[in-house]
Amino acid sequence: MPNELSTRLDRVVAATFAEGFSVLETDLRENPPRYSVLVGSTADPSRTAFIRLDGVWLEAFIPELGVHCALLDDESDADFDLGRLCRALRVYLRGEAHIEQRRRFLRPGAKTTVHIDLEGRRWSLGRNRWSLT
């Protein structure tokens, strides 16, 4: 199973992030094993995203904004959900996502949400919440 996860992640990431992106495999190996890559935009080096896969969850994390998203890994079509997640992150890395920052009511700072419109659906990634509508 772990080898299948690594191969699957490599295959989908290579198909989604070709020209204009840099992809680095991270050495984040935990128990249970999680396979992850760090993808960066060559046009805007300040934009990066982690994609993690562990056999149950598909996760995306944008470190510079502190937002994330997680989907249950559907075994019926293994590459479909991972491909959708990668395409959504590609929109962000290209600078085509809408970044919303609102002041917090009781604490200092701002609440950041990234909105991505892709294939007729809206992805909303936040610090503690995410949605796909």
N, C-alpha and C. Protein backbone atom coordinates (compact mmCIF):
# COMPACT_ATOMS: atom_id res chain seq x y z
N MET A 1 0.79 -1.21 0.00
CA MET A 1 0.00 0.00 0.00
C MET A 1 0.84 1.27 0.00
N PRO A 2 1.86 1.39 0.85
CA PRO A 2 2.64 2.65 0.83
C PRO A 2 3.26 2.96 -0.52
N ASN A 3 3.77 1.94 -1.21
CA ASN A 3 4.36 2.17 -2.53
C ASN A 3 3.30 2.63 -3.52
N GLU A 4 2.10 2.09 -3.42
CA GLU A 4 1.01 2.51 -4.30
C GLU A 4 0.65 3.98 -4.06
N LEU A 5 0.65 4.40 -2.80
CA LEU A 5 0.34 5.79 -2.48
C LEU A 5 1.38 6.74 -3.05
N SER A 6 2.63 6.39 -2.90
CA SER A 6 3.71 7.22 -3.42
C SER A 6 3.64 7.32 -4.94
N THR A 7 3.41 6.19 -5.60
CA THR A 7 3.31 6.16 -7.06
C THR A 7 2.12 6.97 -7.54
N ARG A 8 0.99 6.83 -6.85
CA ARG A 8 -0.21 7.57 -7.21
C ARG A 8 0.00 9.08 -7.06
N LEU A 9 0.59 9.50 -5.95
CA LEU A 9 0.85 10.92 -5.74
C LEU A 9 1.79 11.46 -6.81
N ASP A 10 2.86 10.73 -7.10
CA ASP A 10 3.81 11.17 -8.11
C ASP A 10 3.15 11.29 -9.48
N ARG A 11 2.29 10.32 -9.83
CA ARG A 11 1.65 10.31 -11.15
C ARG A 11 0.71 11.51 -11.32
N VAL A 12 -0.14 11.77 -10.32
CA VAL A 12 -1.13 12.84 -10.44
C VAL A 12 -0.45 14.21 -10.37
N VAL A 13 0.53 14.36 -9.51
CA VAL A 13 1.24 15.63 -9.40
C VAL A 13 2.00 15.93 -10.69
N ALA A 14 2.63 14.93 -11.28
CA ALA A 14 3.36 15.14 -12.54
C ALA A 14 2.42 15.54 -13.67
N ALA A 15 1.21 14.97 -13.69
CA ALA A 15 0.25 15.30 -14.73
C ALA A 15 -0.35 16.70 -14.54
N THR A 16 -0.45 17.16 -13.30
CA THR A 16 -1.11 18.44 -13.02
C THR A 16 -0.14 19.61 -13.04
N PHE A 17 1.04 19.42 -12.46
CA PHE A 17 2.00 20.52 -12.32
C PHE A 17 3.19 20.29 -13.25
N ALA A 18 3.05 20.72 -14.48
CA ALA A 18 4.14 20.54 -15.44
C ALA A 18 4.97 21.81 -15.50
N GLU A 19 4.80 22.57 -16.53
CA GLU A 19 5.59 23.77 -16.75
C GLU A 19 5.13 24.90 -15.85
N GLY A 20 6.06 25.65 -15.27
CA GLY A 20 5.74 26.79 -14.43
C GLY A 20 5.65 26.47 -12.95
N PHE A 21 5.97 25.24 -12.57
CA PHE A 21 5.89 24.84 -11.17
C PHE A 21 7.12 24.03 -10.79
N SER A 22 7.49 24.12 -9.53
CA SER A 22 8.56 23.25 -9.02
C SER A 22 7.94 22.32 -7.99
N VAL A 23 8.35 21.06 -8.03
CA VAL A 23 7.80 20.05 -7.14
C VAL A 23 8.94 19.40 -6.37
N LEU A 24 8.82 19.39 -5.05
CA LEU A 24 9.82 18.75 -4.19
C LEU A 24 9.14 17.71 -3.32
N GLU A 25 9.71 16.53 -3.26
CA GLU A 25 9.19 15.53 -2.34
C GLU A 25 9.70 15.86 -0.95
N THR A 26 8.82 15.84 0.03
CA THR A 26 9.23 16.12 1.39
C THR A 26 9.54 14.81 2.10
N ASP A 27 10.40 14.87 3.08
CA ASP A 27 10.79 13.67 3.82
C ASP A 27 9.94 13.48 5.06
N LEU A 28 8.68 13.83 4.96
CA LEU A 28 7.77 13.70 6.09
C LEU A 28 7.22 12.28 6.11
N ARG A 29 7.84 11.43 6.87
CA ARG A 29 7.40 10.05 7.01
C ARG A 29 6.99 9.85 8.45
N GLU A 30 5.74 9.52 8.66
CA GLU A 30 5.21 9.37 10.00
C GLU A 30 4.65 7.97 10.14
N ASN A 31 4.07 7.71 11.27
CA ASN A 31 3.41 6.42 11.50
C ASN A 31 1.96 6.72 11.82
N PRO A 32 1.00 6.44 10.98
CA PRO A 32 1.11 5.78 9.69
C PRO A 32 1.76 6.68 8.65
N PRO A 33 2.33 6.09 7.62
CA PRO A 33 3.07 6.89 6.63
C PRO A 33 2.16 7.85 5.87
N ARG A 34 2.65 9.05 5.67
CA ARG A 34 2.00 10.05 4.85
C ARG A 34 2.99 10.45 3.77
N TYR A 35 2.50 10.54 2.57
CA TYR A 35 3.36 10.93 1.45
C TYR A 35 2.98 12.34 1.06
N SER A 36 3.98 13.19 0.90
CA SER A 36 3.68 14.59 0.62
C SER A 36 4.68 15.18 -0.35
N VAL A 37 4.22 16.22 -1.02
CA VAL A 37 5.07 17.00 -1.91
C VAL A 37 4.81 18.48 -1.63
N LEU A 38 5.82 19.27 -1.88
CA LEU A 38 5.70 20.72 -1.80
C LEU A 38 5.76 21.25 -3.23
N VAL A 39 4.73 21.96 -3.63
CA VAL A 39 4.65 22.52 -4.98
C VAL A 39 4.78 24.03 -4.87
N GLY A 40 5.61 24.60 -5.72
CA GLY A 40 5.79 26.04 -5.74
C GLY A 40 5.60 26.60 -7.13
N SER A 41 5.23 27.84 -7.18
CA SER A 41 5.07 28.53 -8.46
C SER A 41 6.40 29.17 -8.84
N THR A 42 6.85 28.95 -10.05
CA THR A 42 8.08 29.59 -10.49
C THR A 42 7.83 31.06 -10.84
N ALA A 43 6.60 31.42 -11.19
CA ALA A 43 6.27 32.80 -11.51
C ALA A 43 6.19 33.66 -10.24
N ASP A 44 5.71 33.06 -9.14
CA ASP A 44 5.60 33.77 -7.86
C ASP A 44 6.12 32.85 -6.76
N PRO A 45 7.42 32.92 -6.45
CA PRO A 45 8.01 32.01 -5.47
C PRO A 45 7.41 32.09 -4.07
N SER A 46 6.64 33.13 -3.77
CA SER A 46 6.03 33.23 -2.45
C SER A 46 4.80 32.34 -2.32
N ARG A 47 4.34 31.75 -3.40
CA ARG A 47 3.16 30.86 -3.37
C ARG A 47 3.60 29.40 -3.38
N THR A 48 3.24 28.69 -2.31
CA THR A 48 3.56 27.26 -2.20
C THR A 48 2.36 26.52 -1.65
N ALA A 49 2.37 25.20 -1.81
CA ALA A 49 1.31 24.36 -1.27
C ALA A 49 1.85 22.96 -1.02
N PHE A 50 1.46 22.39 0.11
CA PHE A 50 1.76 20.99 0.41
C PHE A 50 0.56 20.14 0.01
N ILE A 51 0.84 18.98 -0.54
CA ILE A 51 -0.19 18.00 -0.83
C ILE A 51 0.22 16.73 -0.10
N ARG A 52 -0.67 16.24 0.77
CA ARG A 52 -0.37 15.05 1.57
C ARG A 52 -1.40 13.97 1.30
N LEU A 53 -0.93 12.74 1.35
CA LEU A 53 -1.77 11.58 1.06
C LEU A 53 -1.39 10.48 2.04
N ASP A 54 -2.39 9.89 2.72
CA ASP A 54 -2.07 8.82 3.66
C ASP A 54 -2.94 7.57 3.50
N GLY A 55 -3.75 7.50 2.47
CA GLY A 55 -4.59 6.33 2.25
C GLY A 55 -6.00 6.51 2.76
N VAL A 56 -6.22 7.44 3.68
CA VAL A 56 -7.55 7.76 4.19
C VAL A 56 -7.92 9.20 3.83
N TRP A 57 -6.97 10.12 3.99
CA TRP A 57 -7.20 11.53 3.73
C TRP A 57 -6.34 12.05 2.60
N LEU A 58 -6.89 13.00 1.86
CA LEU A 58 -6.14 13.81 0.90
C LEU A 58 -6.13 15.21 1.51
N GLU A 59 -4.96 15.77 1.73
CA GLU A 59 -4.87 17.06 2.40
C GLU A 59 -4.08 18.06 1.56
N ALA A 60 -4.49 19.30 1.66
CA ALA A 60 -3.78 20.40 1.04
C ALA A 60 -3.54 21.46 2.10
N PHE A 61 -2.35 22.03 2.11
CA PHE A 61 -2.01 23.06 3.08
C PHE A 61 -1.23 24.15 2.38
N ILE A 62 -1.65 25.39 2.58
CA ILE A 62 -0.97 26.56 2.02
C ILE A 62 -0.27 27.25 3.18
N PRO A 63 1.03 27.03 3.35
CA PRO A 63 1.71 27.50 4.55
C PRO A 63 1.78 29.01 4.72
N GLU A 64 1.92 29.75 3.64
CA GLU A 64 2.06 31.20 3.78
C GLU A 64 0.77 31.87 4.25
N LEU A 65 -0.38 31.20 4.08
CA LEU A 65 -1.65 31.75 4.54
C LEU A 65 -2.21 30.99 5.74
N GLY A 66 -1.67 29.82 6.03
CA GLY A 66 -2.13 29.03 7.15
C GLY A 66 -3.50 28.42 6.95
N VAL A 67 -3.87 28.11 5.70
CA VAL A 67 -5.17 27.52 5.42
C VAL A 67 -4.98 26.11 4.88
N HIS A 68 -6.03 25.30 5.02
CA HIS A 68 -5.92 23.92 4.56
C HIS A 68 -7.29 23.38 4.16
N CYS A 69 -7.24 22.17 3.63
CA CYS A 69 -8.44 21.46 3.18
C CYS A 69 -8.13 19.97 3.25
N ALA A 70 -9.12 19.16 3.57
CA ALA A 70 -8.93 17.71 3.61
C ALA A 70 -10.16 17.04 3.02
N LEU A 71 -9.93 16.00 2.26
CA LEU A 71 -11.00 15.20 1.66
C LEU A 71 -10.78 13.75 2.01
N LEU A 72 -11.87 13.01 2.21
CA LEU A 72 -11.73 11.57 2.37
C LEU A 72 -11.31 10.96 1.05
N ASP A 73 -10.38 10.05 1.09
CA ASP A 73 -9.88 9.40 -0.11
C ASP A 73 -10.87 8.33 -0.54
N ASP A 74 -11.53 8.56 -1.65
CA ASP A 74 -12.53 7.63 -2.17
C ASP A 74 -11.84 6.53 -2.97
N GLU A 75 -12.00 5.29 -2.54
CA GLU A 75 -11.33 4.17 -3.20
C GLU A 75 -11.94 3.84 -4.57
N SER A 76 -13.18 4.28 -4.84
CA SER A 76 -13.82 3.91 -6.11
C SER A 76 -13.10 4.49 -7.32
N ASP A 77 -12.63 5.72 -7.21
CA ASP A 77 -11.86 6.34 -8.28
C ASP A 77 -10.67 7.04 -7.63
N ALA A 78 -9.60 6.31 -7.48
CA ALA A 78 -8.46 6.74 -6.65
C ALA A 78 -7.87 8.07 -7.09
N ASP A 79 -7.74 8.30 -8.37
CA ASP A 79 -7.06 9.51 -8.84
C ASP A 79 -7.98 10.71 -9.02
N PHE A 80 -9.28 10.50 -9.03
CA PHE A 80 -10.21 11.59 -9.34
C PHE A 80 -10.14 12.71 -8.30
N ASP A 81 -10.33 12.37 -7.02
CA ASP A 81 -10.33 13.40 -5.98
C ASP A 81 -8.95 14.03 -5.81
N LEU A 82 -7.90 13.23 -5.91
CA LEU A 82 -6.55 13.79 -5.82
C LEU A 82 -6.29 14.74 -6.99
N GLY A 83 -6.76 14.40 -8.16
CA GLY A 83 -6.62 15.28 -9.33
C GLY A 83 -7.37 16.58 -9.15
N ARG A 84 -8.59 16.52 -8.60
CA ARG A 84 -9.36 17.75 -8.34
C ARG A 84 -8.65 18.64 -7.34
N LEU A 85 -8.12 18.03 -6.28
CA LEU A 85 -7.40 18.79 -5.27
C LEU A 85 -6.17 19.47 -5.87
N CYS A 86 -5.43 18.74 -6.68
CA CYS A 86 -4.24 19.31 -7.33
C CYS A 86 -4.60 20.43 -8.29
N ARG A 87 -5.69 20.27 -9.05
CA ARG A 87 -6.11 21.33 -9.97
C ARG A 87 -6.54 22.59 -9.21
N ALA A 88 -7.19 22.41 -8.06
CA ALA A 88 -7.59 23.57 -7.25
C ALA A 88 -6.35 24.30 -6.74
N LEU A 89 -5.35 23.57 -6.30
CA LEU A 89 -4.12 24.21 -5.84
C LEU A 89 -3.37 24.89 -6.98
N ARG A 90 -3.46 24.32 -8.16
CA ARG A 90 -2.83 24.95 -9.33
C ARG A 90 -3.44 26.32 -9.60
N VAL A 91 -4.75 26.45 -9.41
CA VAL A 91 -5.41 27.75 -9.57
C VAL A 91 -4.83 28.75 -8.58
N TYR A 92 -4.67 28.34 -7.32
CA TYR A 92 -4.08 29.23 -6.32
C TYR A 92 -2.64 29.61 -6.69
N LEU A 93 -1.84 28.63 -7.07
CA LEU A 93 -0.44 28.88 -7.38
C LEU A 93 -0.26 29.80 -8.59
N ARG A 94 -1.22 29.80 -9.48
CA ARG A 94 -1.18 30.70 -10.64
C ARG A 94 -1.64 32.11 -10.29
N GLY A 95 -2.13 32.31 -9.09
CA GLY A 95 -2.60 33.63 -8.67
C GLY A 95 -4.03 33.92 -9.07
N GLU A 96 -4.83 32.90 -9.39
CA GLU A 96 -6.19 33.09 -9.86
C GLU A 96 -7.24 32.89 -8.77
N ALA A 97 -6.83 32.63 -7.54
CA ALA A 97 -7.76 32.43 -6.44
C ALA A 97 -8.07 33.77 -5.76
N HIS A 98 -9.19 33.83 -5.10
CA HIS A 98 -9.57 35.03 -4.35
C HIS A 98 -9.20 34.82 -2.88
N ILE A 99 -8.38 35.70 -2.34
CA ILE A 99 -7.96 35.60 -0.95
C ILE A 99 -8.72 36.67 -0.16
N GLU A 100 -9.49 36.21 0.82
CA GLU A 100 -10.32 37.10 1.63
C GLU A 100 -9.73 37.18 3.03
N GLN A 101 -9.54 38.38 3.52
CA GLN A 101 -9.05 38.57 4.89
C GLN A 101 -10.02 39.49 5.63
N ARG A 102 -10.53 38.97 6.75
CA ARG A 102 -11.46 39.72 7.58
C ARG A 102 -10.87 39.91 8.97
N ARG A 103 -11.11 41.05 9.54
CA ARG A 103 -10.66 41.27 10.92
C ARG A 103 -11.39 40.33 11.85
N ARG A 104 -10.68 39.84 12.84
CA ARG A 104 -11.30 39.00 13.86
C ARG A 104 -12.03 39.89 14.85
N PHE A 105 -13.09 39.35 15.43
CA PHE A 105 -13.92 40.14 16.34
C PHE A 105 -13.26 40.34 17.70
N LEU A 106 -12.78 39.28 18.32
CA LEU A 106 -12.25 39.38 19.67
C LEU A 106 -10.74 39.33 19.76
N ARG A 107 -10.09 38.81 18.76
CA ARG A 107 -8.64 38.67 18.80
C ARG A 107 -8.01 39.56 17.74
N PRO A 108 -6.75 39.95 17.96
CA PRO A 108 -6.08 40.75 16.92
C PRO A 108 -5.76 39.88 15.70
N GLY A 109 -5.57 40.52 14.59
CA GLY A 109 -5.21 39.81 13.38
C GLY A 109 -6.40 39.66 12.44
N ALA A 110 -6.20 38.85 11.42
CA ALA A 110 -7.22 38.67 10.40
C ALA A 110 -7.50 37.20 10.18
N LYS A 111 -8.71 36.91 9.76
CA LYS A 111 -9.11 35.55 9.39
C LYS A 111 -8.97 35.45 7.87
N THR A 112 -8.19 34.48 7.42
CA THR A 112 -7.92 34.33 5.99
C THR A 112 -8.69 33.15 5.43
N THR A 113 -9.33 33.37 4.29
CA THR A 113 -10.01 32.31 3.56
C THR A 113 -9.62 32.43 2.09
N VAL A 114 -9.30 31.30 1.48
CA VAL A 114 -8.96 31.27 0.06
C VAL A 114 -10.14 30.64 -0.68
N HIS A 115 -10.67 31.35 -1.67
CA HIS A 115 -11.79 30.86 -2.48
C HIS A 115 -11.28 30.54 -3.88
N ILE A 116 -11.57 29.32 -4.32
CA ILE A 116 -11.13 28.86 -5.63
C ILE A 116 -12.35 28.36 -6.40
N ASP A 117 -12.60 28.94 -7.54
CA ASP A 117 -13.69 28.49 -8.41
C ASP A 117 -13.10 27.62 -9.49
N LEU A 118 -13.56 26.36 -9.54
CA LEU A 118 -12.99 25.40 -10.48
C LEU A 118 -14.04 24.38 -10.87
N GLU A 119 -14.24 24.22 -12.16
CA GLU A 119 -15.12 23.19 -12.71
C GLU A 119 -16.54 23.29 -12.14
N GLY A 120 -17.03 24.51 -11.98
CA GLY A 120 -18.38 24.72 -11.49
C GLY A 120 -18.55 24.55 -9.99
N ARG A 121 -17.49 24.39 -9.26
CA ARG A 121 -17.56 24.23 -7.81
C ARG A 121 -16.69 25.29 -7.15
N ARG A 122 -17.01 25.59 -5.90
CA ARG A 122 -16.25 26.59 -5.15
C ARG A 122 -15.57 25.91 -3.97
N TRP A 123 -14.26 26.02 -3.93
CA TRP A 123 -13.46 25.53 -2.82
C TRP A 123 -13.21 26.70 -1.89
N SER A 124 -13.41 26.50 -0.60
CA SER A 124 -13.10 27.52 0.40
C SER A 124 -12.17 26.88 1.43
N LEU A 125 -10.96 27.38 1.51
CA LEU A 125 -9.96 26.86 2.43
C LEU A 125 -9.73 27.88 3.53
N GLY A 126 -9.81 27.42 4.77
CA GLY A 126 -9.60 28.30 5.90
C GLY A 126 -8.69 27.65 6.93
N ARG A 127 -8.48 28.36 8.02
CA ARG A 127 -7.60 27.86 9.07
C ARG A 127 -8.21 26.68 9.80
N ASN A 128 -9.49 26.81 10.17
CA ASN A 128 -10.17 25.76 10.93
C ASN A 128 -11.31 25.10 10.16
N ARG A 129 -11.67 25.64 9.01
CA ARG A 129 -12.81 25.12 8.25
C ARG A 129 -12.47 25.10 6.77
N TRP A 130 -13.12 24.21 6.05
CA TRP A 130 -13.02 24.17 4.61
C TRP A 130 -14.34 23.66 4.07
N SER A 131 -14.61 23.98 2.81
CA SER A 131 -15.84 23.48 2.19
C SER A 131 -15.62 23.36 0.69
N LEU A 132 -16.43 22.51 0.11
CA LEU A 132 -16.46 22.30 -1.33
C LEU A 132 -17.92 22.29 -1.73
N THR A 133 -18.36 23.35 -2.41
CA THR A 133 -19.77 23.46 -2.78
C THR A 133 -19.94 23.55 -4.27
